[in-house]
Amino acid sequence: MKLVIYLFIWVFVFVVGLFIGARNGQLVEFNYLIAMGEFKLSTLLGLFLAIGFAIGAFTLFIFNLKTRIKLRFAIKERDKLKKQLSSTVPVKAELP
């Protein structure tokens, strides 16, 4: 549920940003290594926002995947040690 609320807030902020950016029609020159072009400022801002979001989401995905893999190996190791410990611990003898 928390994820849905956060997602709704992010979408709302993004849509508001698009509306504000759409009203900004100023042309700017953008020099990108191999060429130069004139673009609307709102287009460039939206493009770089989307690129930044994609890079951040990809980085988060990679770190999350790495953590899940480490957790899976740790759980397997724990289970192996539990099994090993249970086979070496002697059963308590009953006292008379």
PDB file of N, CA and C in Angstrom:
ATOM      1  N   MET A   1       0.824  -1.190   0.000  1.00  0.00           N
ATOM      2  CA  MET A   1       0.000   0.000   0.000  1.00  0.00           C
ATOM      3  C   MET A   1       0.869   1.254   0.000  1.00  0.00           C
ATOM      4  N   LYS A   2       1.953   1.191   0.770  1.00  0.00           N
ATOM      5  CA  LYS A   2       2.858   2.331   0.839  1.00  0.00           C
ATOM      6  C   LYS A   2       3.450   2.625  -0.540  1.00  0.00           C
ATOM      7  N   LEU A   3       3.780   1.562  -1.271  1.00  0.00           N
ATOM      8  CA  LEU A   3       4.355   1.716  -2.601  1.00  0.00           C
ATOM      9  C   LEU A   3       3.379   2.423  -3.539  1.00  0.00           C
ATOM     10  N   VAL A   4       2.117   2.087  -3.448  1.00  0.00           N
ATOM     11  CA  VAL A   4       1.103   2.706  -4.302  1.00  0.00           C
ATOM     12  C   VAL A   4       0.990   4.197  -3.996  1.00  0.00           C
ATOM     13  N   ILE A   5       1.033   4.562  -2.725  1.00  0.00           N
ATOM     14  CA  ILE A   5       0.947   5.973  -2.341  1.00  0.00           C
ATOM     15  C   ILE A   5       2.164   6.728  -2.858  1.00  0.00           C
ATOM     16  N   TYR A   6       3.361   6.158  -2.672  1.00  0.00           N
ATOM     17  CA  TYR A   6       4.572   6.813  -3.171  1.00  0.00           C
ATOM     18  C   TYR A   6       4.544   6.949  -4.687  1.00  0.00           C
ATOM     19  N   LEU A   7       4.105   5.911  -5.367  1.00  0.00           N
ATOM     20  CA  LEU A   7       4.022   5.955  -6.815  1.00  0.00           C
ATOM     21  C   LEU A   7       3.039   7.035  -7.269  1.00  0.00           C
ATOM     22  N   PHE A   8       1.902   7.138  -6.596  1.00  0.00           N
ATOM     23  CA  PHE A   8       0.916   8.172  -6.927  1.00  0.00           C
ATOM     24  C   PHE A   8       1.509   9.569  -6.739  1.00  0.00           C
ATOM     25  N   ILE A   9       2.240   9.780  -5.655  1.00  0.00           N
ATOM     26  CA  ILE A   9       2.851  11.084  -5.392  1.00  0.00           C
ATOM     27  C   ILE A   9       3.873  11.413  -6.479  1.00  0.00           C
ATOM     28  N   TRP A  10       4.703  10.432  -6.877  1.00  0.00           N
ATOM     29  CA  TRP A  10       5.703  10.671  -7.909  1.00  0.00           C
ATOM     30  C   TRP A  10       5.048  10.985  -9.250  1.00  0.00           C
ATOM     31  N   VAL A  11       4.005  10.265  -9.588  1.00  0.00           N
ATOM     32  CA  VAL A  11       3.299  10.529 -10.853  1.00  0.00           C
ATOM     33  C   VAL A  11       2.677  11.921 -10.823  1.00  0.00           C
ATOM     34  N   PHE A  12       2.097  12.294  -9.695  1.00  0.00           N
ATOM     35  CA  PHE A  12       1.493  13.627  -9.563  1.00  0.00           C
ATOM     36  C   PHE A  12       2.547  14.718  -9.746  1.00  0.00           C
ATOM     37  N   VAL A  13       3.682  14.573  -9.088  1.00  0.00           N
ATOM     38  CA  VAL A  13       4.756  15.564  -9.208  1.00  0.00           C
ATOM     39  C   VAL A  13       5.265  15.627 -10.651  1.00  0.00           C
ATOM     40  N   PHE A  14       5.400  14.478 -11.297  1.00  0.00           N
ATOM     41  CA  PHE A  14       5.857  14.440 -12.676  1.00  0.00           C
ATOM     42  C   PHE A  14       4.866  15.139 -13.610  1.00  0.00           C
ATOM     43  N   VAL A  15       3.577  14.899 -13.429  1.00  0.00           N
ATOM     44  CA  VAL A  15       2.559  15.525 -14.277  1.00  0.00           C
ATOM     45  C   VAL A  15       2.538  17.030 -14.062  1.00  0.00           C
ATOM     46  N   VAL A  16       2.637  17.467 -12.816  1.00  0.00           N
ATOM     47  CA  VAL A  16       2.683  18.908 -12.537  1.00  0.00           C
ATOM     48  C   VAL A  16       3.913  19.522 -13.195  1.00  0.00           C
ATOM     49  N   GLY A  17       5.040  18.820 -13.127  1.00  0.00           N
ATOM     50  CA  GLY A  17       6.256  19.295 -13.784  1.00  0.00           C
ATOM     51  C   GLY A  17       6.090  19.395 -15.287  1.00  0.00           C
ATOM     52  N   LEU A  18       5.390  18.432 -15.874  1.00  0.00           N
ATOM     53  CA  LEU A  18       5.133  18.491 -17.315  1.00  0.00           C
ATOM     54  C   LEU A  18       4.264  19.687 -17.688  1.00  0.00           C
ATOM     55  N   PHE A  19       3.252  19.953 -16.877  1.00  0.00           N
ATOM     56  CA  PHE A  19       2.397  21.113 -17.156  1.00  0.00           C
ATOM     57  C   PHE A  19       3.170  22.419 -17.046  1.00  0.00           C
ATOM     58  N   ILE A  20       4.004  22.525 -16.046  1.00  0.00           N
ATOM     59  CA  ILE A  20       4.805  23.744 -15.881  1.00  0.00           C
ATOM     60  C   ILE A  20       5.815  23.857 -17.019  1.00  0.00           C
ATOM     61  N   GLY A  21       6.442  22.747 -17.373  1.00  0.00           N
ATOM     62  CA  GLY A  21       7.428  22.763 -18.450  1.00  0.00           C
ATOM     63  C   GLY A  21       6.822  23.034 -19.807  1.00  0.00           C
ATOM     64  N   ALA A  22       5.605  22.609 -20.020  1.00  0.00           N
ATOM     65  CA  ALA A  22       4.952  22.825 -21.314  1.00  0.00           C
ATOM     66  C   ALA A  22       4.694  24.309 -21.568  1.00  0.00           C
ATOM     67  N   ARG A  23       4.576  25.087 -20.523  1.00  0.00           N
ATOM     68  CA  ARG A  23       4.341  26.522 -20.677  1.00  0.00           C
ATOM     69  C   ARG A  23       5.627  27.284 -20.952  1.00  0.00           C
ATOM     70  N   ASN A  24       6.764  26.621 -20.819  1.00  0.00           N
ATOM     71  CA  ASN A  24       8.048  27.264 -21.025  1.00  0.00           C
ATOM     72  C   ASN A  24       8.530  26.920 -22.428  1.00  0.00           C
ATOM     73  N   GLY A  25       8.360  27.829 -23.371  1.00  0.00           N
ATOM     74  CA  GLY A  25       8.699  27.563 -24.766  1.00  0.00           C
ATOM     75  C   GLY A  25      10.011  28.191 -25.194  1.00  0.00           C
ATOM     76  N   GLN A  26      10.844  28.594 -24.258  1.00  0.00           N
ATOM     77  CA  GLN A  26      12.099  29.258 -24.586  1.00  0.00           C
ATOM     78  C   GLN A  26      13.048  28.290 -25.289  1.00  0.00           C
ATOM     79  N   LEU A  27      13.659  28.760 -26.394  1.00  0.00           N
ATOM     80  CA  LEU A  27      14.617  27.944 -27.119  1.00  0.00           C
ATOM     81  C   LEU A  27      16.014  28.180 -26.565  1.00  0.00           C
ATOM     82  N   VAL A  28      16.757  27.100 -26.431  1.00  0.00           N
ATOM     83  CA  VAL A  28      18.140  27.193 -25.972  1.00  0.00           C
ATOM     84  C   VAL A  28      19.014  26.392 -26.927  1.00  0.00           C
ATOM     85  N   GLU A  29      20.270  26.815 -27.051  1.00  0.00           N
ATOM     86  CA  GLU A  29      21.214  26.071 -27.861  1.00  0.00           C
ATOM     87  C   GLU A  29      21.876  25.025 -26.984  1.00  0.00           C
ATOM     88  N   PHE A  30      21.899  23.810 -27.495  1.00  0.00           N
ATOM     89  CA  PHE A  30      22.506  22.708 -26.744  1.00  0.00           C
ATOM     90  C   PHE A  30      23.626  22.126 -27.585  1.00  0.00           C
ATOM     91  N   ASN A  31      24.842  22.178 -27.050  1.00  0.00           N
ATOM     92  CA  ASN A  31      26.016  21.689 -27.748  1.00  0.00           C
ATOM     93  C   ASN A  31      26.368  20.317 -27.193  1.00  0.00           C
ATOM     94  N   TYR A  32      26.115  19.279 -27.946  1.00  0.00           N
ATOM     95  CA  TYR A  32      26.447  17.923 -27.526  1.00  0.00           C
ATOM     96  C   TYR A  32      27.536  17.401 -28.452  1.00  0.00           C
ATOM     97  N   LEU A  33      28.690  17.210 -27.920  1.00  0.00           N
ATOM     98  CA  LEU A  33      29.958  16.789 -28.521  1.00  0.00           C
ATOM     99  C   LEU A  33      30.027  16.757 -30.047  1.00  0.00           C
ATOM    100  N   ILE A  34      29.111  16.109 -30.728  1.00  0.00           N
ATOM    101  CA  ILE A  34      29.259  15.953 -32.176  1.00  0.00           C
ATOM    102  C   ILE A  34      28.428  16.954 -32.977  1.00  0.00           C
ATOM    103  N   ALA A  35      27.519  17.644 -32.349  1.00  0.00           N
ATOM    104  CA  ALA A  35      26.690  18.595 -33.077  1.00  0.00           C
ATOM    105  C   ALA A  35      26.127  19.635 -32.102  1.00  0.00           C
ATOM    106  N   MET A  36      25.320  20.516 -32.658  1.00  0.00           N
ATOM    107  CA  MET A  36      24.702  21.567 -31.846  1.00  0.00           C
ATOM    108  C   MET A  36      23.281  21.752 -32.362  1.00  0.00           C
ATOM    109  N   GLY A  37      22.367  21.949 -31.448  1.00  0.00           N
ATOM    110  CA  GLY A  37      20.986  22.120 -31.875  1.00  0.00           C
ATOM    111  C   GLY A  37      20.227  23.048 -30.956  1.00  0.00           C
ATOM    112  N   GLU A  38      19.101  23.538 -31.464  1.00  0.00           N
ATOM    113  CA  GLU A  38      18.217  24.381 -30.648  1.00  0.00           C
ATOM    114  C   GLU A  38      17.028  23.538 -30.221  1.00  0.00           C
ATOM    115  N   PHE A  39      16.792  23.534 -28.926  1.00  0.00           N
ATOM    116  CA  PHE A  39      15.698  22.762 -28.362  1.00  0.00           C
ATOM    117  C   PHE A  39      14.920  23.634 -27.395  1.00  0.00           C
ATOM    118  N   LYS A  40      13.665  23.254 -27.157  1.00  0.00           N
ATOM    119  CA  LYS A  40      12.909  23.917 -26.103  1.00  0.00           C
ATOM    120  C   LYS A  40      13.509  23.536 -24.762  1.00  0.00           C
ATOM    121  N   LEU A  41      13.555  24.480 -23.872  1.00  0.00           N
ATOM    122  CA  LEU A  41      14.125  24.222 -22.552  1.00  0.00           C
ATOM    123  C   LEU A  41      13.351  23.122 -21.835  1.00  0.00           C
ATOM    124  N   SER A  42      12.036  23.134 -21.969  1.00  0.00           N
ATOM    125  CA  SER A  42      11.218  22.114 -21.302  1.00  0.00           C
ATOM    126  C   SER A  42      11.526  20.717 -21.848  1.00  0.00           C
ATOM    127  N   THR A  43      11.817  20.617 -23.140  1.00  0.00           N
ATOM    128  CA  THR A  43      12.155  19.327 -23.740  1.00  0.00           C
ATOM    129  C   THR A  43      13.470  18.797 -23.174  1.00  0.00           C
ATOM    130  N   LEU A  44      14.464  19.665 -23.093  1.00  0.00           N
ATOM    131  CA  LEU A  44      15.751  19.237 -22.542  1.00  0.00           C
ATOM    132  C   LEU A  44      15.627  18.842 -21.083  1.00  0.00           C
ATOM    133  N   LEU A  45      14.888  19.628 -20.306  1.00  0.00           N
ATOM    134  CA  LEU A  45      14.717  19.305 -18.886  1.00  0.00           C
ATOM    135  C   LEU A  45      14.004  17.968 -18.714  1.00  0.00           C
ATOM    136  N   GLY A  46      12.958  17.749 -19.496  1.00  0.00           N
ATOM    137  CA  GLY A  46      12.229  16.480 -19.422  1.00  0.00           C
ATOM    138  C   GLY A  46      13.092  15.304 -19.848  1.00  0.00           C
ATOM    139  N   LEU A  47      13.889  15.503 -20.890  1.00  0.00           N
ATOM    140  CA  LEU A  47      14.769  14.446 -21.373  1.00  0.00           C
ATOM    141  C   LEU A  47      15.799  14.061 -20.308  1.00  0.00           C
ATOM    142  N   PHE A  48      16.451  15.064 -19.722  1.00  0.00           N
ATOM    143  CA  PHE A  48      17.464  14.762 -18.716  1.00  0.00           C
ATOM    144  C   PHE A  48      16.852  14.242 -17.415  1.00  0.00           C
ATOM    145  N   LEU A  49      15.646  14.650 -17.107  1.00  0.00           N
ATOM    146  CA  LEU A  49      14.951  14.088 -15.946  1.00  0.00           C
ATOM    147  C   LEU A  49      14.668  12.603 -16.180  1.00  0.00           C
ATOM    148  N   ALA A  50      14.205  12.264 -17.365  1.00  0.00           N
ATOM    149  CA  ALA A  50      13.909  10.866 -17.686  1.00  0.00           C
ATOM    150  C   ALA A  50      15.190  10.028 -17.700  1.00  0.00           C
ATOM    151  N   ILE A  51      16.276  10.571 -18.254  1.00  0.00           N
ATOM    152  CA  ILE A  51      17.546   9.843 -18.272  1.00  0.00           C
ATOM    153  C   ILE A  51      18.045   9.619 -16.850  1.00  0.00           C
ATOM    154  N   GLY A  52      17.966  10.652 -16.008  1.00  0.00           N
ATOM    155  CA  GLY A  52      18.388  10.523 -14.614  1.00  0.00           C
ATOM    156  C   GLY A  52      17.545   9.513 -13.853  1.00  0.00           C
ATOM    157  N   PHE A  53      16.247   9.529 -14.089  1.00  0.00           N
ATOM    158  CA  PHE A  53      15.360   8.567 -13.438  1.00  0.00           C
ATOM    159  C   PHE A  53      15.699   7.149 -13.869  1.00  0.00           C
ATOM    160  N   ALA A  54      15.953   6.952 -15.169  1.00  0.00           N
ATOM    161  CA  ALA A  54      16.275   5.616 -15.680  1.00  0.00           C
ATOM    162  C   ALA A  54      17.599   5.116 -15.092  1.00  0.00           C
ATOM    163  N   ILE A  55      18.596   5.990 -15.015  1.00  0.00           N
ATOM    164  CA  ILE A  55      19.885   5.595 -14.441  1.00  0.00           C
ATOM    165  C   ILE A  55      19.713   5.243 -12.964  1.00  0.00           C
ATOM    166  N   GLY A  56      18.949   6.048 -12.237  1.00  0.00           N
ATOM    167  CA  GLY A  56      18.704   5.768 -10.821  1.00  0.00           C
ATOM    168  C   GLY A  56      17.946   4.472 -10.606  1.00  0.00           C
ATOM    169  N   ALA A  57      16.921   4.233 -11.421  1.00  0.00           N
ATOM    170  CA  ALA A  57      16.138   3.004 -11.292  1.00  0.00           C
ATOM    171  C   ALA A  57      16.993   1.780 -11.628  1.00  0.00           C
ATOM    172  N   PHE A  58      17.839   1.894 -12.649  1.00  0.00           N
ATOM    173  CA  PHE A  58      18.715   0.788 -13.016  1.00  0.00           C
ATOM    174  C   PHE A  58      19.711   0.493 -11.895  1.00  0.00           C
ATOM    175  N   THR A  59      20.293   1.546 -11.319  1.00  0.00           N
ATOM    176  CA  THR A  59      21.241   1.374 -10.220  1.00  0.00           C
ATOM    177  C   THR A  59      20.559   0.726  -9.022  1.00  0.00           C
ATOM    178  N   LEU A  60      19.365   1.185  -8.689  1.00  0.00           N
ATOM    179  CA  LEU A  60      18.619   0.599  -7.583  1.00  0.00           C
ATOM    180  C   LEU A  60      18.315  -0.870  -7.856  1.00  0.00           C
ATOM    181  N   PHE A  61      17.931  -1.189  -9.074  1.00  0.00           N
ATOM    182  CA  PHE A  61      17.640  -2.574  -9.444  1.00  0.00           C
ATOM    183  C   PHE A  61      18.869  -3.453  -9.275  1.00  0.00           C
ATOM    184  N   ILE A  62      20.034  -2.971  -9.729  1.00  0.00           N
ATOM    185  CA  ILE A  62      21.269  -3.755  -9.630  1.00  0.00           C
ATOM    186  C   ILE A  62      21.625  -4.013  -8.164  1.00  0.00           C
ATOM    187  N   PHE A  63      21.581  -2.967  -7.319  1.00  0.00           N
ATOM    188  CA  PHE A  63      21.910  -3.153  -5.908  1.00  0.00           C
ATOM    189  C   PHE A  63      20.906  -4.062  -5.205  1.00  0.00           C
ATOM    190  N   ASN A  64      19.630  -3.942  -5.561  1.00  0.00           N
ATOM    191  CA  ASN A  64      18.597  -4.798  -4.980  1.00  0.00           C
ATOM    192  C   ASN A  64      18.827  -6.248  -5.382  1.00  0.00           C
ATOM    193  N   LEU A  65      19.150  -6.485  -6.639  1.00  0.00           N
ATOM    194  CA  LEU A  65      19.418  -7.836  -7.120  1.00  0.00           C
ATOM    195  C   LEU A  65      20.640  -8.424  -6.420  1.00  0.00           C
ATOM    196  N   LYS A  66      21.680  -7.618  -6.275  1.00  0.00           N
ATOM    197  CA  LYS A  66      22.895  -8.075  -5.597  1.00  0.00           C
ATOM    198  C   LYS A  66      22.607  -8.456  -4.144  1.00  0.00           C
ATOM    199  N   THR A  67      21.802  -7.655  -3.467  1.00  0.00           N
ATOM    200  CA  THR A  67      21.453  -7.944  -2.077  1.00  0.00           C
ATOM    201  C   THR A  67      20.613  -9.208  -1.967  1.00  0.00           C
ATOM    202  N   ARG A  68      19.674  -9.402  -2.888  1.00  0.00           N
ATOM    203  CA  ARG A  68      18.847 -10.616  -2.863  1.00  0.00           C
ATOM    204  C   ARG A  68      19.686 -11.869  -3.094  1.00  0.00           C
ATOM    205  N   ILE A  69      20.667 -11.784  -3.978  1.00  0.00           N
ATOM    206  CA  ILE A  69      21.532 -12.937  -4.234  1.00  0.00           C
ATOM    207  C   ILE A  69      22.360 -13.253  -2.997  1.00  0.00           C
ATOM    208  N   LYS A  70      22.918 -12.226  -2.351  1.00  0.00           N
ATOM    209  CA  LYS A  70      23.686 -12.451  -1.124  1.00  0.00           C
ATOM    210  C   LYS A  70      22.810 -13.062  -0.035  1.00  0.00           C
ATOM    211  N   LEU A  71      21.574 -12.590   0.072  1.00  0.00           N
ATOM    212  CA  LEU A  71      20.652 -13.128   1.075  1.00  0.00           C
ATOM    213  C   LEU A  71      20.341 -14.590   0.795  1.00  0.00           C
ATOM    214  N   ARG A  72      20.137 -14.931  -0.465  1.00  0.00           N
ATOM    215  CA  ARG A  72      19.845 -16.320  -0.821  1.00  0.00           C
ATOM    216  C   ARG A  72      21.006 -17.231  -0.429  1.00  0.00           C
ATOM    217  N   PHE A  73      22.239 -16.802  -0.721  1.00  0.00           N
ATOM    218  CA  PHE A  73      23.406 -17.605  -0.334  1.00  0.00           C
ATOM    219  C   PHE A  73      23.538 -17.701   1.177  1.00  0.00           C
ATOM    220  N   ALA A  74      23.232 -16.615   1.893  1.00  0.00           N
ATOM    221  CA  ALA A  74      23.319 -16.636   3.361  1.00  0.00           C
ATOM    222  C   ALA A  74      22.285 -17.591   3.954  1.00  0.00           C
ATOM    223  N   ILE A  75      21.092 -17.615   3.383  1.00  0.00           N
ATOM    224  CA  ILE A  75      20.053 -18.532   3.878  1.00  0.00           C
ATOM    225  C   ILE A  75      20.458 -19.976   3.623  1.00  0.00           C
ATOM    226  N   LYS A  76      21.024 -20.257   2.447  1.00  0.00           N
ATOM    227  CA  LYS A  76      21.483 -21.622   2.166  1.00  0.00           C
ATOM    228  C   LYS A  76      22.595 -22.025   3.125  1.00  0.00           C
ATOM    229  N   GLU A  77      23.511 -21.115   3.394  1.00  0.00           N
ATOM    230  CA  GLU A  77      24.605 -21.407   4.326  1.00  0.00           C
ATOM    231  C   GLU A  77      24.074 -21.637   5.740  1.00  0.00           C
ATOM    232  N   ARG A  78      23.098 -20.832   6.149  1.00  0.00           N
ATOM    233  CA  ARG A  78      22.488 -21.000   7.472  1.00  0.00           C
ATOM    234  C   ARG A  78      21.822 -22.364   7.598  1.00  0.00           C
ATOM    235  N   ASP A  79      21.066 -22.730   6.575  1.00  0.00           N
ATOM    236  CA  ASP A  79      20.389 -24.033   6.606  1.00  0.00           C
ATOM    237  C   ASP A  79      21.399 -25.187   6.657  1.00  0.00           C
ATOM    238  N   LYS A  80      22.484 -25.043   5.915  1.00  0.00           N
ATOM    239  CA  LYS A  80      23.525 -26.068   5.917  1.00  0.00           C
ATOM    240  C   LYS A  80      24.161 -26.179   7.305  1.00  0.00           C
ATOM    241  N   LEU A  81      24.429 -25.047   7.946  1.00  0.00           N
ATOM    242  CA  LEU A  81      25.023 -25.062   9.284  1.00  0.00           C
ATOM    243  C   LEU A  81      24.052 -25.607  10.327  1.00  0.00           C
ATOM    244  N   LYS A  82      22.761 -25.280  10.182  1.00  0.00           N
ATOM    245  CA  LYS A  82      21.751 -25.829  11.100  1.00  0.00           C
ATOM    246  C   LYS A  82      21.714 -27.348  10.999  1.00  0.00           C
ATOM    247  N   LYS A  83      21.727 -27.854   9.781  1.00  0.00           N
ATOM    248  CA  LYS A  83      21.694 -29.294   9.562  1.00  0.00           C
ATOM    249  C   LYS A  83      22.942 -29.948  10.151  1.00  0.00           C
ATOM    250  N   GLN A  84      24.077 -29.321   9.939  1.00  0.00           N
ATOM    251  CA  GLN A  84      25.332 -29.833  10.466  1.00  0.00           C
ATOM    252  C   GLN A  84      25.333 -29.806  11.996  1.00  0.00           C
ATOM    253  N   LEU A  85      24.814 -28.754  12.579  1.00  0.00           N
ATOM    254  CA  LEU A  85      24.761 -28.633  14.039  1.00  0.00           C
ATOM    255  C   LEU A  85      23.810 -29.653  14.639  1.00  0.00           C
ATOM    256  N   SER A  86      22.666 -29.865  14.020  1.00  0.00           N
ATOM    257  CA  SER A  86      21.692 -30.815  14.567  1.00  0.00           C
ATOM    258  C   SER A  86      22.212 -32.252  14.494  1.00  0.00           C
ATOM    259  N   SER A  87      23.075 -32.538  13.540  1.00  0.00           N
ATOM    260  CA  SER A  87      23.591 -33.901  13.443  1.00  0.00           C
ATOM    261  C   SER A  87      24.751 -34.132  14.419  1.00  0.00           C
ATOM    262  N   THR A  88      25.396 -33.079  14.896  1.00  0.00           N
ATOM    263  CA  THR A  88      26.531 -33.260  15.824  1.00  0.00           C
ATOM    264  C   THR A  88      26.134 -33.110  17.294  1.00  0.00           C
ATOM    265  N   VAL A  89      25.008 -32.519  17.598  1.00  0.00           N
ATOM    266  CA  VAL A  89      24.589 -32.332  18.980  1.00  0.00           C
ATOM    267  C   VAL A  89      24.018 -33.644  19.519  1.00  0.00           C
ATOM    268  N   PRO A  90      24.572 -34.175  20.629  1.00  0.00           N
ATOM    269  CA  PRO A  90      24.039 -35.433  21.160  1.00  0.00           C
ATOM    270  C   PRO A  90      22.666 -35.224  21.818  1.00  0.00           C
ATOM    271  N   VAL A  91      21.882 -36.288  21.795  1.00  0.00           N
ATOM    272  CA  VAL A  91      20.561 -36.250  22.397  1.00  0.00           C
ATOM    273  C   VAL A  91      20.753 -36.365  23.906  1.00  0.00           C
ATOM    274  N   LYS A  92      20.023 -35.545  24.677  1.00  0.00           N
ATOM    275  CA  LYS A  92      20.131 -35.571  26.144  1.00  0.00           C
ATOM    276  C   LYS A  92      19.611 -36.892  26.699  1.00  0.00           C
ATOM    277  N   ALA A  93      20.373 -37.433  27.601  1.00  0.00           N
ATOM    278  CA  ALA A  93      19.943 -38.677  28.254  1.00  0.00           C
ATOM    279  C   ALA A  93      19.008 -38.323  29.412  1.00  0.00           C
ATOM    280  N   GLU A  94      18.013 -39.169  29.615  1.00  0.00           N
ATOM    281  CA  GLU A  94      17.067 -38.921  30.699  1.00  0.00           C
ATOM    282  C   GLU A  94      17.697 -39.277  32.032  1.00  0.00           C
ATOM    283  N   LEU A  95      17.481 -38.440  33.021  1.00  0.00           N
ATOM    284  CA  LEU A  95      17.987 -38.706  34.366  1.00  0.00           C
ATOM    285  C   LEU A  95      17.039 -39.625  35.124  1.00  0.00           C
ATOM    286  N   PRO A  96      17.585 -40.539  35.966  1.00  0.00           N
ATOM    287  CA  PRO A  96      16.698 -41.464  36.709  1.00  0.00           C
ATOM    288  C   PRO A  96      15.945 -40.768  37.818  1.00  0.00           C
TER     289      PRO A  96
END
